[in-house]
């Protein structure tokens, strides 16, 4: 859970954009009534004037509260889909003054479709009319036990459909409608903003609802959901089958050895593997090395190296884990909860199924079943973005190459398939890779400073970004992320200065 909280914190830190607010509400909360949402019945709408002030993040999140939040109108719409029996909540926070004329859909994380009050508060501070939804599912980001199965133990397919796609469009329709009611005019521009699940939601918007947003910021997107979640259990399966559970200390030793071997390939010693494709470190080179774990001397064995080799290779038919990536996300005990619960509830439909005891044969059966049952529902990797392109939409995706939860190779593969289908897609869809960055943020690499600002400039001014300004967490190093397929090449000078690097095709 600690690592999940870290990922959620990273999601929060990756979504802000500063812009000058300009407008105020026309009539206040009293102007808000029921919006029309095709395909759904709006059961109720409440609109309450809020004074603003300070908004806290949930307990356990090491993030300061959001302070100086301006007054806003909080609109809560409850809707249901006839014949389904669901109860979906859409919430909008609308700044009473200083509205910038923009609407923003705010994404979720893990199994949570939406976000916390504090994230809406951040957007209100920046002048956005911000909207989110729970999709009718519980907000627990790591465990879907409250909604995944119905009373008969079958998958609740309608709620899964809400989570995967349907509630995204309902949210956009309802959110835009109450925004127009509140301000007396529709938003001039609409944006989507999210990372991880929020990134997947952004791509689903582009694929299924291409007219809902003018700009989509879809980062570290959880596409290939039906496969990568099962793939994240591969390290657990390997260690079970090989009867060799490595400690975090041992995992760290292999990570360090790989970075030691590959760090300087780009000419800069910064503990970042600039292009993981160039790192060919052999884990068997560490065999015989003595390391100290919890005060005890451990000698790395060939069996240890073979476990790491298999983990780095990945399961047949899917991507492995990059050398130098922190495998503690997925190789420790207990297994990564989001992946474990996906298999337990949606694939096996058995909450008691022990994923840590899967054999290779069982694992591959689970992998195949997950894809067969759920790819069309939540795979979110349809490369046909022609309708989004025709609508005039623009989309930016950035992805950390050290992401151990969602492989950046999946994002690259998707971008390549979109390109093969539509030709040169840089006119509406741009991907940037962030070397040495973990899931949504974190790691030693440089994280984009303000990708939403780049998106806004592209949508509203036609300024397509060729790079994304980025900075390391310690603030010491600036680096521009290159437009895929280019990678950064050191050309001399201060390695902490963006100007010391240029973008070139590999």
Protein backbone atom coordinates (compact mmCIF):
# COMPACT_ATOMS: atom_id res chain seq x y z
CA UNK A 1 0.00 0.00 0.00
CA UNK A 2 2.91 2.33 0.70
CA UNK A 3 4.04 2.07 -2.93
CA UNK A 4 0.47 2.59 -4.14
CA UNK A 5 0.26 5.75 -2.07
CA UNK A 6 3.52 6.84 -3.66
CA UNK A 7 2.05 6.29 -7.09
CA UNK A 8 -1.07 8.25 -6.19
CA UNK A 9 1.11 11.06 -4.85
CA UNK A 10 2.99 11.03 -8.15
CA UNK A 11 -0.30 11.23 -10.03
CA UNK A 12 -1.27 14.28 -8.00
CA UNK A 13 2.05 16.01 -8.67
CA UNK A 14 1.85 15.44 -12.42
CA UNK A 15 -1.41 17.19 -13.25
CA UNK A 16 -1.20 20.91 -12.63
CA UNK A 17 -1.12 23.85 -15.00
CA UNK A 18 -0.99 27.54 -14.17
CA UNK A 19 -3.16 29.89 -16.15
CA UNK A 20 -4.63 33.33 -15.62
CA UNK A 21 -8.26 33.22 -14.43
CA UNK A 22 -10.61 35.66 -16.14
CA UNK A 23 -14.32 35.04 -15.59
CA UNK A 24 -16.92 34.75 -12.81
CA UNK A 25 -20.22 32.93 -12.34
CA UNK A 26 -23.31 34.42 -13.91
CA UNK A 27 -25.94 33.42 -11.33
CA UNK A 28 -24.25 31.24 -8.73
CA UNK A 29 -25.30 27.81 -7.52
CA UNK A 30 -28.96 28.67 -7.84
CA UNK A 31 -28.69 28.46 -11.63
CA UNK A 32 -27.77 24.77 -11.65
CA UNK A 33 -30.45 22.21 -12.45
CA UNK A 34 -30.61 18.68 -13.81
CA UNK A 35 -28.44 18.13 -16.90
CA UNK A 36 -29.59 15.90 -19.73
CA UNK A 37 -27.39 12.81 -20.04
CA UNK A 38 -28.38 10.57 -22.97
CA UNK A 39 -28.67 6.94 -21.96
CA UNK A 40 -28.90 7.77 -18.27
CA UNK A 41 -31.50 9.08 -15.85
CA UNK A 42 -30.38 11.92 -13.62
CA UNK A 43 -31.88 11.09 -10.24
CA UNK A 44 -30.86 14.21 -8.36
CA UNK A 45 -28.70 17.29 -8.45
CA UNK A 46 -27.51 19.31 -5.49
CA UNK A 47 -25.56 22.54 -5.73
CA UNK A 48 -23.97 24.12 -2.68
CA UNK A 49 -21.93 27.29 -2.35
CA UNK A 50 -18.61 26.53 -0.63
CA UNK A 51 -16.36 29.10 1.02
CA UNK A 52 -13.09 27.51 -0.08
CA UNK A 53 -10.16 27.67 2.31
CA UNK A 54 -8.09 24.56 3.04
CA UNK A 55 -8.69 21.10 1.60
CA UNK A 56 -6.85 18.06 2.97
CA UNK A 57 -5.58 15.02 1.12
CA UNK A 58 -6.68 11.62 2.48
CA UNK A 59 -4.86 10.30 5.56
CA UNK A 60 -1.55 8.68 4.74
CA UNK A 61 -0.73 10.96 1.81
CA UNK A 62 2.44 12.95 2.54
CA UNK A 63 1.19 15.98 0.66
CA UNK A 64 0.48 19.35 2.25
CA UNK A 65 -3.15 20.43 2.20
CA UNK A 66 -4.37 22.69 -0.57
CA UNK A 67 -4.65 26.15 0.93
CA UNK A 68 -6.24 29.40 -0.20
CA UNK A 69 -8.85 27.61 -2.28
CA UNK A 70 -11.23 30.29 -3.59
CA UNK A 71 -15.01 30.04 -3.09
CA UNK A 72 -16.68 27.60 -5.44
CA UNK A 73 -19.98 25.92 -6.21
CA UNK A 74 -19.99 22.18 -5.56
CA UNK A 75 -22.43 20.34 -7.81
CA UNK A 76 -23.25 16.70 -7.19
CA UNK A 77 -25.31 14.83 -9.78
CA UNK A 78 -26.51 11.29 -9.15
CA UNK A 79 -27.53 9.27 -12.18
CA UNK A 80 -28.44 5.72 -13.09
CA UNK A 81 -28.63 3.68 -16.28
CA UNK A 82 -32.08 2.19 -16.85
CA UNK A 83 -32.11 -1.55 -16.31
CA UNK A 84 -28.71 -1.56 -14.64
CA UNK A 85 -29.57 -0.45 -11.12
CA UNK A 86 -26.31 1.45 -10.64
CA UNK A 87 -25.80 4.69 -8.74
CA UNK A 88 -23.20 6.95 -10.31
CA UNK A 89 -22.03 10.22 -8.82
CA UNK A 90 -20.61 13.06 -10.91
CA UNK A 91 -19.07 15.95 -8.99
CA UNK A 92 -18.13 19.36 -10.30
CA UNK A 93 -16.30 22.16 -8.52
CA UNK A 94 -16.91 25.50 -10.19
CA UNK A 95 -14.91 28.55 -9.09
CA UNK A 96 -17.21 31.41 -8.10
CA UNK A 97 -14.76 33.93 -9.54
CA UNK A 98 -11.75 33.76 -11.79
CA UNK A 99 -13.02 31.00 -14.11
CA UNK A 100 -10.56 30.66 -16.98
CA UNK A 101 -13.23 29.52 -19.43
CA UNK A 102 -11.93 25.95 -19.44
CA UNK A 103 -13.51 22.66 -18.43
CA UNK A 104 -11.35 19.85 -17.07
CA UNK A 105 -12.15 16.18 -16.53
CA UNK A 106 -9.91 14.82 -13.77
CA UNK A 107 -8.90 11.16 -13.89
CA UNK A 108 -8.45 8.47 -11.29
CA UNK A 109 -5.93 5.86 -10.18
CA UNK A 110 -6.05 2.11 -9.75
CA UNK A 111 -9.65 0.96 -9.45
CA UNK A 112 -10.80 4.46 -8.52
CA UNK A 113 -12.41 6.28 -11.44
CA UNK A 114 -12.15 9.65 -9.77
CA UNK A 115 -9.93 11.57 -7.45
CA UNK A 116 -10.00 13.31 -4.13
CA UNK A 117 -11.36 16.68 -3.14
CA UNK A 118 -7.86 18.07 -2.90
CA UNK A 119 -7.20 17.44 -6.60
CA UNK A 120 -10.41 19.23 -7.54
CA UNK A 121 -9.33 22.03 -5.21
CA UNK A 122 -6.01 22.36 -7.04
CA UNK A 123 -7.81 22.79 -10.34
CA UNK A 124 -10.24 25.32 -8.90
CA UNK A 125 -7.23 27.34 -7.70
CA UNK A 126 -5.99 27.34 -11.27
CA UNK A 127 -9.32 28.62 -12.59
CA UNK A 128 -10.73 25.40 -14.06
CA UNK A 129 -14.26 24.10 -13.80
CA UNK A 130 -13.23 20.62 -12.65
CA UNK A 131 -15.29 17.44 -12.78
CA UNK A 132 -14.82 13.84 -11.69
CA UNK A 133 -16.94 10.72 -11.26
CA UNK A 134 -16.98 7.56 -9.20
CA UNK A 135 -18.54 5.54 -12.04
CA UNK A 136 -20.78 3.86 -9.50
CA UNK A 137 -17.86 1.84 -8.09
CA UNK A 138 -16.11 2.00 -4.74
CA UNK A 139 -13.26 4.49 -4.53
CA UNK A 140 -10.70 2.04 -3.09
CA UNK A 141 -7.88 2.28 -5.67
CA UNK A 142 -6.32 -1.11 -4.94
CA UNK A 143 -9.23 -3.42 -4.16
CA UNK A 144 -12.51 -3.82 -6.10
CA UNK A 145 -14.05 -6.29 -3.66
CA UNK A 146 -17.11 -4.11 -2.97
CA UNK A 147 -18.27 -4.03 -6.58
CA UNK A 148 -16.49 -6.54 -8.79
CA UNK A 149 -18.82 -9.52 -8.19
CA UNK A 150 -22.60 -9.64 -7.91
CA UNK A 151 -24.59 -11.58 -5.32
CA UNK A 152 -24.21 -14.76 -7.37
CA UNK A 153 -20.44 -14.48 -7.60
CA UNK A 154 -20.46 -13.39 -11.24
CA UNK A 155 -18.53 -10.40 -12.57
CA UNK A 156 -20.65 -7.25 -12.39
CA UNK A 157 -20.26 -6.51 -16.07
CA UNK A 158 -22.31 -3.31 -16.02
CA UNK A 159 -20.18 -1.73 -13.30
CA UNK A 160 -17.06 -2.89 -15.11
CA UNK A 161 -18.41 -1.19 -18.23
CA UNK A 162 -18.95 1.99 -16.22
CA UNK A 163 -15.38 1.81 -14.94
CA UNK A 164 -13.90 1.03 -18.33
CA UNK A 165 -15.71 3.55 -20.50
CA UNK A 166 -19.39 4.47 -20.11
CA UNK A 167 -19.10 6.74 -17.08
CA UNK A 168 -16.36 8.77 -18.77
CA UNK A 169 -18.80 10.09 -21.37
CA UNK A 170 -21.58 10.60 -18.81
CA UNK A 171 -19.16 12.64 -16.73
CA UNK A 172 -18.18 14.85 -19.67
CA UNK A 173 -21.78 15.46 -20.69
CA UNK A 174 -23.03 16.19 -17.17
CA UNK A 175 -19.98 18.22 -16.18
CA UNK A 176 -20.10 20.44 -19.25
CA UNK A 177 -23.84 20.98 -18.83
CA UNK A 178 -23.68 22.17 -15.21
CA UNK A 179 -20.66 24.32 -16.08
CA UNK A 180 -22.67 26.06 -18.81
CA UNK A 181 -25.62 26.52 -16.46
CA UNK A 182 -23.45 27.99 -13.71
CA UNK A 183 -21.56 30.47 -15.88
CA UNK A 184 -24.29 31.21 -18.38
CA UNK A 185 -22.18 29.96 -21.28
CA UNK A 186 -20.32 26.77 -22.22
CA UNK A 187 -16.64 26.31 -21.63
CA UNK A 188 -14.46 27.61 -24.46
CA UNK A 189 -12.10 24.63 -24.24
CA UNK A 190 -12.32 21.23 -22.58
CA UNK A 191 -9.40 19.13 -21.31
CA UNK A 192 -8.79 15.72 -19.83
CA UNK A 193 -6.04 15.29 -17.25
CA UNK A 194 -4.81 12.05 -15.72
CA UNK A 195 -2.05 9.53 -15.12
CA UNK A 196 -2.12 5.73 -14.79
CA UNK A 197 -5.83 4.86 -14.72
CA UNK A 198 -6.37 8.52 -15.54
CA UNK A 199 -4.08 8.10 -18.55
CA UNK A 200 -6.04 5.05 -19.70
CA UNK A 201 -9.25 7.02 -19.30
CA UNK A 202 -7.80 9.77 -21.47
CA UNK A 203 -7.04 7.33 -24.27
CA UNK A 204 -10.48 5.75 -23.92
CA UNK A 205 -11.96 9.21 -24.36
CA UNK A 206 -9.99 9.68 -27.57
CA UNK A 207 -10.95 6.23 -28.87
CA UNK A 208 -14.64 6.04 -27.95
CA UNK A 209 -15.72 9.63 -27.30
CA UNK A 210 -13.56 11.68 -29.66
CA UNK A 211 -15.63 14.86 -29.41
CA UNK A 212 -15.66 15.15 -25.62
CA UNK A 213 -12.30 16.91 -25.16
CA UNK A 214 -10.22 19.38 -27.15
CA UNK A 215 -7.05 18.30 -25.39
CA UNK A 216 -6.08 15.12 -23.54
CA UNK A 217 -3.17 14.77 -21.13
CA UNK A 218 -2.85 10.98 -20.79
CA UNK A 219 0.28 10.00 -18.89
CA UNK A 220 1.70 6.55 -18.04
CA UNK A 221 -1.58 5.22 -19.42
CA UNK A 222 -2.88 1.92 -18.06
CA UNK A 223 -3.71 0.63 -21.53
CA UNK A 224 -3.40 -3.09 -22.25
CA UNK A 225 -5.13 -3.40 -18.86
CA UNK A 226 -6.12 -7.01 -19.46
CA UNK A 227 -2.47 -7.99 -19.99
CA UNK A 228 -0.17 -5.73 -18.01
CA UNK A 229 -1.98 -6.36 -14.72
CA UNK A 230 -1.42 -10.10 -15.12
CA UNK A 231 2.14 -9.44 -16.34
CA UNK A 232 2.87 -7.58 -13.11
CA UNK A 233 2.45 -10.91 -11.31
CA UNK A 234 5.20 -12.54 -13.40
CA UNK A 235 7.95 -11.86 -10.83
CA UNK A 236 5.81 -13.54 -8.16
CA UNK A 237 5.21 -16.58 -10.39
CA UNK A 238 8.91 -16.89 -11.26
CA UNK A 239 10.00 -16.82 -7.63
CA UNK A 240 7.31 -19.34 -6.70
CA UNK A 241 8.22 -21.77 -9.48
CA UNK A 242 11.94 -21.40 -8.88
CA UNK A 243 11.46 -21.71 -5.11
CA UNK A 244 13.60 -18.63 -4.59
CA UNK A 245 12.06 -15.53 -3.05
CA UNK A 246 14.59 -12.70 -3.32
CA UNK A 247 14.74 -10.06 -0.61
CA UNK A 248 14.45 -6.38 -1.34
CA UNK A 249 18.16 -6.11 -0.60
CA UNK A 250 18.95 -8.68 -3.30
CA UNK A 251 16.62 -7.01 -5.79
CA UNK A 252 18.35 -3.72 -5.06
CA UNK A 253 21.76 -5.28 -5.69
CA UNK A 254 20.79 -6.38 -9.20
CA UNK A 255 19.20 -3.00 -9.90
CA UNK A 256 22.37 -1.20 -8.79
CA UNK A 257 24.60 -3.49 -10.83
CA UNK A 258 22.57 -2.87 -13.98
CA UNK A 259 22.64 0.89 -13.49
CA UNK A 260 26.38 0.78 -12.76
CA UNK A 261 26.90 -1.02 -16.07
CA UNK A 262 24.63 1.11 -18.21
CA UNK A 263 24.58 4.55 -16.60
CA UNK A 264 27.44 6.02 -18.64
CA UNK A 265 26.34 4.75 -22.06
CA UNK A 266 24.93 8.22 -22.79
CA UNK A 267 28.12 9.90 -21.54
CA UNK A 268 26.60 11.21 -18.29
CA UNK A 269 26.98 9.65 -14.83
CA UNK A 270 23.59 10.46 -13.34
CA UNK A 271 22.35 7.02 -12.25
CA UNK A 272 19.82 7.11 -15.09
CA UNK A 273 19.74 4.61 -17.95
CA UNK A 274 18.91 7.03 -20.74
CA UNK A 275 17.72 4.42 -23.23
CA UNK A 276 16.88 1.02 -21.70
CA UNK A 277 17.20 -0.64 -25.10
CA UNK A 278 20.95 -0.05 -24.96
CA UNK A 279 21.42 -1.76 -21.58
CA UNK A 280 22.57 -5.35 -22.06
CA UNK A 281 23.80 -6.09 -18.56
CA UNK A 282 23.99 -9.80 -17.76
CA UNK A 283 22.72 -10.61 -14.25
CA UNK A 284 25.05 -13.61 -14.06
CA UNK A 285 27.93 -11.13 -13.82
CA UNK A 286 26.85 -10.58 -10.20
CA UNK A 287 27.14 -14.27 -9.25
CA UNK A 288 29.59 -14.74 -6.39
CA UNK A 289 29.29 -11.14 -5.20
CA UNK A 290 28.90 -10.71 -1.46
CA UNK A 291 26.25 -8.25 -0.26
CA UNK A 292 25.03 -7.39 3.23
CA UNK A 293 21.30 -7.71 3.84
CA UNK A 294 19.89 -6.89 7.28
CA UNK A 295 23.32 -7.30 8.80
CA UNK A 296 23.95 -10.70 7.22
CA UNK A 297 26.37 -11.47 4.40
CA UNK A 298 24.69 -12.99 1.35
CA UNK A 299 26.45 -14.43 -1.68
CA UNK A 300 24.60 -13.98 -4.96
CA UNK A 301 24.00 -17.38 -6.55
CA UNK A 302 23.35 -18.53 -10.11
CA UNK A 303 19.81 -19.36 -9.03
CA UNK A 304 19.34 -15.74 -7.93
CA UNK A 305 20.66 -14.45 -11.24
CA UNK A 306 18.39 -16.84 -13.15
CA UNK A 307 15.34 -15.50 -11.30
CA UNK A 308 16.30 -11.96 -12.27
CA UNK A 309 16.95 -13.01 -15.87
CA UNK A 310 13.50 -14.54 -16.14
CA UNK A 311 11.88 -11.47 -14.56
CA UNK A 312 13.72 -9.09 -16.88
CA UNK A 313 12.78 -11.24 -19.89
CA UNK A 314 9.10 -11.18 -18.93
CA UNK A 315 6.41 -13.72 -19.79
CA UNK A 316 6.14 -15.07 -23.32
CA UNK A 317 4.10 -12.68 -25.43
CA UNK A 318 4.58 -9.66 -23.20
CA UNK A 319 7.19 -7.13 -22.12
CA UNK A 320 9.80 -7.74 -19.48
CA UNK A 321 11.00 -5.38 -16.77
CA UNK A 322 13.76 -2.95 -17.65
CA UNK A 323 17.19 -3.47 -16.19
CA UNK A 324 17.66 -0.86 -13.49
CA UNK A 325 13.95 -0.63 -12.65
CA UNK A 326 12.94 -0.90 -9.00
CA UNK A 327 11.47 -4.40 -8.91
CA UNK A 328 10.29 -3.87 -5.35
CA UNK A 329 7.03 -2.63 -6.84
CA UNK A 330 6.17 -6.06 -8.23
CA UNK A 331 8.59 -8.70 -6.94
CA UNK A 332 8.07 -8.42 -3.21
CA UNK A 333 5.55 -9.99 -0.88
CA UNK A 334 2.62 -9.75 -0.80
CA UNK A 335 2.06 -9.53 -4.58
CA UNK A 336 1.05 -6.20 -6.12
CA UNK A 337 -2.52 -5.80 -4.87
CA UNK A 338 -4.16 -4.30 -7.96
CA UNK A 339 -2.89 -7.19 -10.08
CA UNK A 340 -3.75 -9.80 -7.47
CA UNK A 341 -7.31 -8.59 -7.07
CA UNK A 342 -7.79 -8.36 -10.85
CA UNK A 343 -6.99 -12.06 -11.15
CA UNK A 344 -8.97 -13.02 -8.06
CA UNK A 345 -12.18 -11.12 -8.83
CA UNK A 346 -12.33 -10.72 -12.59
CA UNK A 347 -10.44 -13.70 -14.00
CA UNK A 348 -10.88 -16.47 -11.42
CA UNK A 349 -13.99 -14.98 -9.76
CA UNK A 350 -12.63 -16.38 -6.52
CA UNK A 351 -11.51 -13.85 -3.86
CA UNK A 352 -9.62 -16.63 -2.08
CA UNK A 353 -7.45 -17.58 -5.05
CA UNK A 354 -3.78 -17.39 -4.03
CA UNK A 355 -1.90 -15.72 -6.88
CA UNK A 356 1.41 -16.25 -5.09
CA UNK A 357 1.13 -20.00 -5.67
CA UNK A 358 0.55 -19.99 -9.43
CA UNK A 359 2.65 -22.31 -11.57
CA UNK A 360 3.87 -21.24 -14.99
CA UNK A 361 1.07 -23.26 -16.62
CA UNK A 362 -1.61 -21.72 -14.40
CA UNK A 363 -0.20 -18.29 -15.03
CA UNK A 364 -0.38 -18.57 -18.80
CA UNK A 365 -3.96 -19.84 -18.59
CA UNK A 366 -4.87 -16.80 -16.48
CA UNK A 367 -3.07 -14.49 -18.91
CA UNK A 368 -4.97 -15.93 -21.88
CA UNK A 369 -8.33 -15.82 -20.12
CA UNK A 370 -7.87 -12.23 -19.00
CA UNK A 371 -7.16 -11.15 -22.56
CA UNK A 372 -9.98 -13.18 -24.09
CA UNK A 373 -12.62 -11.96 -21.62
CA UNK A 374 -11.63 -8.34 -21.14
CA UNK A 375 -9.55 -6.97 -23.98
CA UNK A 376 -12.59 -5.60 -25.83
CA UNK A 377 -13.95 -4.13 -22.59
CA UNK A 378 -10.95 -2.41 -21.05
CA UNK A 379 -7.91 -3.05 -23.25
CA UNK A 380 -8.03 0.62 -24.37
CA UNK A 381 -5.51 0.10 -27.16
CA UNK A 382 -7.60 0.67 -30.30
CA UNK A 383 -5.19 2.43 -32.71
CA UNK A 384 -7.97 4.03 -34.75
CA UNK A 385 -7.84 7.63 -33.56
CA UNK A 386 -9.10 8.99 -36.87
CA UNK A 387 -12.30 10.41 -35.34
CA UNK A 388 -10.32 12.20 -32.61
CA UNK A 389 -8.02 13.62 -35.27
CA UNK A 390 -10.98 14.81 -37.35
CA UNK A 391 -12.51 16.45 -34.29
CA UNK A 392 -9.40 18.64 -33.99
CA UNK A 393 -8.32 17.04 -30.72
CA UNK A 394 -4.75 17.10 -29.44
CA UNK A 395 -3.18 14.57 -27.09
CA UNK A 396 0.06 14.38 -25.14
CA UNK A 397 1.37 11.28 -23.39
CA UNK A 398 4.55 11.00 -21.37
CA UNK A 399 5.77 7.80 -19.76
CA UNK A 400 8.68 7.01 -17.45
CA UNK A 401 11.02 4.33 -18.73
CA UNK A 402 11.58 2.97 -15.20
CA UNK A 403 7.86 2.42 -14.67
CA UNK A 404 7.64 -1.04 -13.10
CA UNK A 405 3.84 -1.09 -12.98
CA UNK A 406 2.86 -0.13 -16.52
CA UNK A 407 5.57 -0.88 -19.12
CA UNK A 408 6.45 2.10 -21.25
CA UNK A 409 6.93 -0.34 -24.13
CA UNK A 410 3.14 -0.71 -24.25
CA UNK A 411 2.78 3.03 -24.82
CA UNK A 412 5.46 2.94 -27.52
CA UNK A 413 3.80 -0.03 -29.21
CA UNK A 414 0.46 1.79 -29.17
CA UNK A 415 1.98 4.95 -30.63
CA UNK A 416 3.64 2.89 -33.37
CA UNK A 417 0.38 1.13 -34.23
CA UNK A 418 -1.49 4.44 -34.41
CA UNK A 419 1.25 5.66 -36.75
CA UNK A 420 1.00 2.60 -38.97
CA UNK A 421 -2.75 3.09 -39.23
CA UNK A 422 -2.91 6.87 -39.66
CA UNK A 423 0.52 7.87 -40.95
CA UNK A 424 2.39 10.76 -39.33
CA UNK A 425 0.40 11.41 -36.17
CA UNK A 426 2.54 14.15 -34.63
CA UNK A 427 -0.01 16.68 -35.83
CA UNK A 428 -2.43 15.53 -33.10
CA UNK A 429 -0.77 12.90 -30.88
CA UNK A 430 2.68 13.24 -29.31
CA UNK A 431 4.51 10.85 -27.01
CA UNK A 432 7.48 11.70 -24.77
CA UNK A 433 9.58 9.22 -22.79
CA UNK A 434 11.08 10.16 -19.43
CA UNK A 435 14.32 8.21 -18.75
CA UNK A 436 14.77 7.10 -15.15
CA UNK A 437 11.26 8.07 -14.07
CA UNK A 438 9.00 5.70 -12.14
CA UNK A 439 5.23 5.38 -12.33
CA UNK A 440 3.76 8.86 -12.98
CA UNK A 441 6.69 10.45 -11.13
CA UNK A 442 9.56 9.54 -8.81
CA UNK A 443 12.90 8.00 -9.61
CA UNK A 444 16.14 9.82 -10.42
CA UNK A 445 15.09 10.99 -13.87
CA UNK A 446 13.61 14.31 -14.88
CA UNK A 447 9.80 14.59 -14.61
CA UNK A 448 7.79 16.94 -16.86
CA UNK A 449 7.25 20.24 -15.12
CA UNK A 450 3.94 21.24 -16.68
CA UNK A 451 2.63 19.01 -19.48
CA UNK A 452 -0.83 20.57 -19.24
CA UNK A 453 0.64 23.97 -20.13
CA UNK A 454 2.15 22.44 -23.26
CA UNK A 455 -1.22 20.90 -24.12
CA UNK A 456 -3.09 24.17 -23.62
CA UNK A 457 -0.62 26.01 -25.84
CA UNK A 458 -1.01 23.36 -28.52
CA UNK A 459 -4.81 23.41 -28.44
CA UNK A 460 -5.29 27.15 -28.12
CA UNK A 461 -2.27 28.60 -29.89
CA UNK A 462 -1.31 25.84 -32.32
CA UNK A 463 2.14 25.51 -30.71
CA UNK A 464 2.92 21.80 -30.92
CA UNK A 465 5.57 20.83 -28.32
CA UNK A 466 8.80 19.36 -29.70
CA UNK A 467 10.09 18.80 -26.16
CA UNK A 468 8.65 18.81 -22.65
CA UNK A 469 10.64 20.72 -20.02
CA UNK A 470 11.44 18.40 -17.11
CA UNK A 471 13.32 18.52 -13.82
CA UNK A 472 14.64 16.01 -11.30
CA UNK A 473 12.95 15.72 -7.91
CA UNK A 474 15.88 17.35 -6.14
CA UNK A 475 15.63 20.34 -8.48
CA UNK A 476 19.27 20.11 -9.49
CA UNK A 477 18.94 18.92 -13.07
CA UNK A 478 16.83 20.19 -15.91
CA UNK A 479 16.25 18.11 -18.99
CA UNK A 480 13.98 18.33 -22.00
CA UNK A 481 12.06 15.18 -22.84
CA UNK A 482 12.28 14.36 -26.52
CA UNK A 483 9.41 13.74 -28.89
CA UNK A 484 9.28 10.01 -29.61
CA UNK A 485 11.04 8.35 -31.38
CA UNK A 486 13.93 10.72 -30.68
CA UNK A 487 16.06 10.29 -27.56
CA UNK A 488 18.24 12.79 -25.70
CA UNK A 489 21.95 12.78 -26.57
CA UNK A 490 24.55 14.47 -24.41
CA UNK A 491 26.65 16.89 -26.48
CA UNK A 492 28.90 18.33 -23.78
CA UNK A 493 28.71 21.02 -21.14
CA UNK A 494 26.89 21.08 -17.81
CA UNK A 495 25.00 17.76 -17.56
CA UNK A 496 22.41 19.46 -15.35
CA UNK A 497 21.49 21.98 -18.04
CA UNK A 498 18.89 21.24 -20.73
CA UNK A 499 21.06 22.89 -23.39
CA UNK A 500 23.69 20.19 -22.97
CA UNK A 501 21.47 17.68 -24.69
CA UNK A 502 19.93 17.40 -28.12
CA UNK A 503 17.16 15.17 -29.42
CA UNK A 504 18.19 12.65 -32.06
CA UNK A 505 16.71 9.55 -33.56
CA UNK A 506 18.39 6.40 -32.33
